[in-house]
Amino acid sequence: MTTRLAYLAACASLIALIFLGIAWELRLAPIQPGGSALVFKVLPLLAALFGILHGKRYTYKWSSLLILLYFAEGLVRSTSDHGIGQWLAIAEIGLAVSFFAAAVTFLRQTRPQ
């Protein structure tokens, strides 16, 4: 995977995860009817977005650890939710794994020699 491809994959999966989190908790399958305060779970992802889009190595480092929380949430909710919530959790797992792989690849290819 080239550096450019890793960068694009990280950007795309992070943006998709942000949109998934917002849609999930406000519209698609909120915990409470009418929306849920769990929509605020996307705020850490929004904090990382600027640095990821600008290719900042430090942001890639800490966000690759942060994304593991979303992976864990996806695992828990994929086993506890039913219906569309379960499928959204599986999508969250896939996006978290793809972001993690892309971030680690980007970091390996851009490390100082």
C-alpha atoms as a PDB file:
ATOM      1  CA  MET A   1       0.000   0.000   0.000  1.00  0.00           C
ATOM      2  CA  THR A   2       1.493   3.341  -0.965  1.00  0.00           C
ATOM      3  CA  THR A   3       1.575   6.350   1.311  1.00  0.00           C
ATOM      4  CA  ARG A   4      -1.045   8.142  -0.776  1.00  0.00           C
ATOM      5  CA  LEU A   5      -3.381   5.149  -0.716  1.00  0.00           C
ATOM      6  CA  ALA A   6      -2.969   4.777   3.053  1.00  0.00           C
ATOM      7  CA  TYR A   7      -3.707   8.496   3.478  1.00  0.00           C
ATOM      8  CA  LEU A   8      -6.847   8.286   1.328  1.00  0.00           C
ATOM      9  CA  ALA A   9      -8.059   5.133   3.089  1.00  0.00           C
ATOM     10  CA  ALA A  10      -7.558   6.727   6.514  1.00  0.00           C
ATOM     11  CA  CYS A  11      -9.385   9.907   5.474  1.00  0.00           C
ATOM     12  CA  ALA A  12     -12.275   8.033   3.862  1.00  0.00           C
ATOM     13  CA  SER A  13     -12.780   5.589   6.720  1.00  0.00           C
ATOM     14  CA  LEU A  14     -12.608   8.339   9.362  1.00  0.00           C
ATOM     15  CA  ILE A  15     -15.136  10.528   7.528  1.00  0.00           C
ATOM     16  CA  ALA A  16     -17.408   7.521   6.970  1.00  0.00           C
ATOM     17  CA  LEU A  17     -17.166   6.617  10.667  1.00  0.00           C
ATOM     18  CA  ILE A  18     -18.152  10.164  11.638  1.00  0.00           C
ATOM     19  CA  PHE A  19     -21.185  10.099   9.356  1.00  0.00           C
ATOM     20  CA  LEU A  20     -22.109   6.594  10.528  1.00  0.00           C
ATOM     21  CA  GLY A  21     -21.994   7.665  14.182  1.00  0.00           C
ATOM     22  CA  ILE A  22     -24.157  10.721  13.574  1.00  0.00           C
ATOM     23  CA  ALA A  23     -26.715   8.883  11.439  1.00  0.00           C
ATOM     24  CA  TRP A  24     -26.801   5.906  13.787  1.00  0.00           C
ATOM     25  CA  GLU A  25     -27.511   7.859  16.966  1.00  0.00           C
ATOM     26  CA  LEU A  26     -29.829  10.501  15.495  1.00  0.00           C
ATOM     27  CA  ARG A  27     -31.803   8.707  12.808  1.00  0.00           C
ATOM     28  CA  LEU A  28     -31.150   5.076  11.960  1.00  0.00           C
ATOM     29  CA  ALA A  29     -31.180   3.235  15.292  1.00  0.00           C
ATOM     30  CA  PRO A  30     -30.949   5.589  18.282  1.00  0.00           C
ATOM     31  CA  ILE A  31     -31.116   4.153  21.774  1.00  0.00           C
ATOM     32  CA  GLN A  32     -34.012   6.500  22.584  1.00  0.00           C
ATOM     33  CA  PRO A  33     -36.685   7.587  20.091  1.00  0.00           C
ATOM     34  CA  GLY A  34     -35.922  10.979  18.585  1.00  0.00           C
ATOM     35  CA  GLY A  35     -32.163  10.708  18.991  1.00  0.00           C
ATOM     36  CA  SER A  36     -29.616   9.921  21.611  1.00  0.00           C
ATOM     37  CA  ALA A  37     -26.902  11.837  23.433  1.00  0.00           C
ATOM     38  CA  LEU A  38     -24.528   9.107  22.245  1.00  0.00           C
ATOM     39  CA  VAL A  39     -24.140  11.207  19.110  1.00  0.00           C
ATOM     40  CA  PHE A  40     -21.424  13.050  21.034  1.00  0.00           C
ATOM     41  CA  LYS A  41     -19.223   9.975  20.661  1.00  0.00           C
ATOM     42  CA  VAL A  42     -18.117  11.393  17.296  1.00  0.00           C
ATOM     43  CA  LEU A  43     -16.482  14.465  18.894  1.00  0.00           C
ATOM     44  CA  PRO A  44     -13.085  12.769  19.400  1.00  0.00           C
ATOM     45  CA  LEU A  45     -13.183  11.708  15.750  1.00  0.00           C
ATOM     46  CA  LEU A  46     -13.914  15.282  14.724  1.00  0.00           C
ATOM     47  CA  ALA A  47     -10.932  16.403  16.819  1.00  0.00           C
ATOM     48  CA  ALA A  48      -8.708  14.046  14.843  1.00  0.00           C
ATOM     49  CA  LEU A  49     -10.131  14.935  11.426  1.00  0.00           C
ATOM     50  CA  PHE A  50      -8.065  18.095  10.810  1.00  0.00           C
ATOM     51  CA  GLY A  51      -4.767  16.395  11.613  1.00  0.00           C
ATOM     52  CA  ILE A  52      -5.619  13.314   9.569  1.00  0.00           C
ATOM     53  CA  LEU A  53      -6.581  15.398   6.539  1.00  0.00           C
ATOM     54  CA  HIS A  54      -3.313  17.338   6.822  1.00  0.00           C
ATOM     55  CA  GLY A  55      -1.173  14.209   7.217  1.00  0.00           C
ATOM     56  CA  LYS A  56       0.145  15.009  10.696  1.00  0.00           C
ATOM     57  CA  ARG A  57       2.007  12.001  12.050  1.00  0.00           C
ATOM     58  CA  TYR A  58       1.242  12.811  15.688  1.00  0.00           C
ATOM     59  CA  THR A  59      -2.504  12.769  14.969  1.00  0.00           C
ATOM     60  CA  TYR A  60      -2.162   9.442  13.175  1.00  0.00           C
ATOM     61  CA  LYS A  61      -0.397   8.051  16.249  1.00  0.00           C
ATOM     62  CA  TRP A  62      -2.968   8.984  18.873  1.00  0.00           C
ATOM     63  CA  SER A  63      -5.993   8.406  16.652  1.00  0.00           C
ATOM     64  CA  SER A  64      -4.822   4.858  15.883  1.00  0.00           C
ATOM     65  CA  LEU A  65      -5.156   4.196  19.619  1.00  0.00           C
ATOM     66  CA  LEU A  66      -8.440   6.112  19.909  1.00  0.00           C
ATOM     67  CA  ILE A  67     -10.054   4.118  17.118  1.00  0.00           C
ATOM     68  CA  LEU A  68      -9.762   0.965  19.231  1.00  0.00           C
ATOM     69  CA  LEU A  69     -12.557   2.351  21.460  1.00  0.00           C
ATOM     70  CA  TYR A  70     -14.867   2.457  18.441  1.00  0.00           C
ATOM     71  CA  PHE A  71     -13.813  -1.061  17.510  1.00  0.00           C
ATOM     72  CA  ALA A  72     -14.701  -2.214  21.037  1.00  0.00           C
ATOM     73  CA  GLU A  73     -18.049  -0.417  20.926  1.00  0.00           C
ATOM     74  CA  GLY A  74     -18.805  -2.081  17.613  1.00  0.00           C
ATOM     75  CA  LEU A  75     -18.005  -5.505  19.059  1.00  0.00           C
ATOM     76  CA  VAL A  76     -20.211  -4.966  22.096  1.00  0.00           C
ATOM     77  CA  ARG A  77     -23.138  -3.539  20.160  1.00  0.00           C
ATOM     78  CA  SER A  78     -22.913  -6.160  17.409  1.00  0.00           C
ATOM     79  CA  THR A  79     -23.550  -8.827  20.013  1.00  0.00           C
ATOM     80  CA  SER A  80     -26.135  -6.948  22.069  1.00  0.00           C
ATOM     81  CA  ASP A  81     -28.173  -5.038  19.461  1.00  0.00           C
ATOM     82  CA  HIS A  82     -30.600  -6.595  17.014  1.00  0.00           C
ATOM     83  CA  GLY A  83     -31.783  -5.611  13.570  1.00  0.00           C
ATOM     84  CA  ILE A  84     -30.316  -2.536  11.937  1.00  0.00           C
ATOM     85  CA  GLY A  85     -28.331  -1.636  15.068  1.00  0.00           C
ATOM     86  CA  GLN A  86     -26.394  -4.873  14.745  1.00  0.00           C
ATOM     87  CA  TRP A  87     -25.567  -4.161  11.091  1.00  0.00           C
ATOM     88  CA  LEU A  88     -24.478  -0.624  11.929  1.00  0.00           C
ATOM     89  CA  ALA A  89     -22.188  -2.027  14.629  1.00  0.00           C
ATOM     90  CA  ILE A  90     -20.649  -4.416  12.109  1.00  0.00           C
ATOM     91  CA  ALA A  91     -20.089  -1.471   9.758  1.00  0.00           C
ATOM     92  CA  GLU A  92     -18.435   0.406  12.627  1.00  0.00           C
ATOM     93  CA  ILE A  93     -16.083  -2.523  13.196  1.00  0.00           C
ATOM     94  CA  GLY A  94     -15.149  -2.594   9.517  1.00  0.00           C
ATOM     95  CA  LEU A  95     -14.489   1.144   9.372  1.00  0.00           C
ATOM     96  CA  ALA A  96     -12.460   1.074  12.588  1.00  0.00           C
ATOM     97  CA  VAL A  97     -10.308  -1.790  11.325  1.00  0.00           C
ATOM     98  CA  SER A  98      -9.752  -0.112   7.960  1.00  0.00           C
ATOM     99  CA  PHE A  99      -8.797   3.176   9.634  1.00  0.00           C
ATOM    100  CA  PHE A 100      -6.406   1.410  11.988  1.00  0.00           C
ATOM    101  CA  ALA A 101      -4.717  -0.490   9.156  1.00  0.00           C
ATOM    102  CA  ALA A 102      -4.439   2.638   7.008  1.00  0.00           C
ATOM    103  CA  ALA A 103      -3.086   4.737   9.897  1.00  0.00           C
ATOM    104  CA  VAL A 104      -0.450   2.163  10.834  1.00  0.00           C
ATOM    105  CA  THR A 105       0.578   1.815   7.185  1.00  0.00           C
ATOM    106  CA  PHE A 106       0.818   5.591   6.812  1.00  0.00           C
ATOM    107  CA  LEU A 107       2.951   5.825   9.953  1.00  0.00           C
ATOM    108  CA  ARG A 108       5.308   3.066   8.831  1.00  0.00           C
ATOM    109  CA  GLN A 109       5.812   4.597   5.410  1.00  0.00           C
ATOM    110  CA  THR A 110       6.370   8.143   6.636  1.00  0.00           C
ATOM    111  CA  ARG A 111       8.645   7.429   9.581  1.00  0.00           C
ATOM    112  CA  PRO A 112      11.959   9.263   9.606  1.00  0.00           C
ATOM    113  CA  GLN A 113      14.908   7.232   8.406  1.00  0.00           C
END
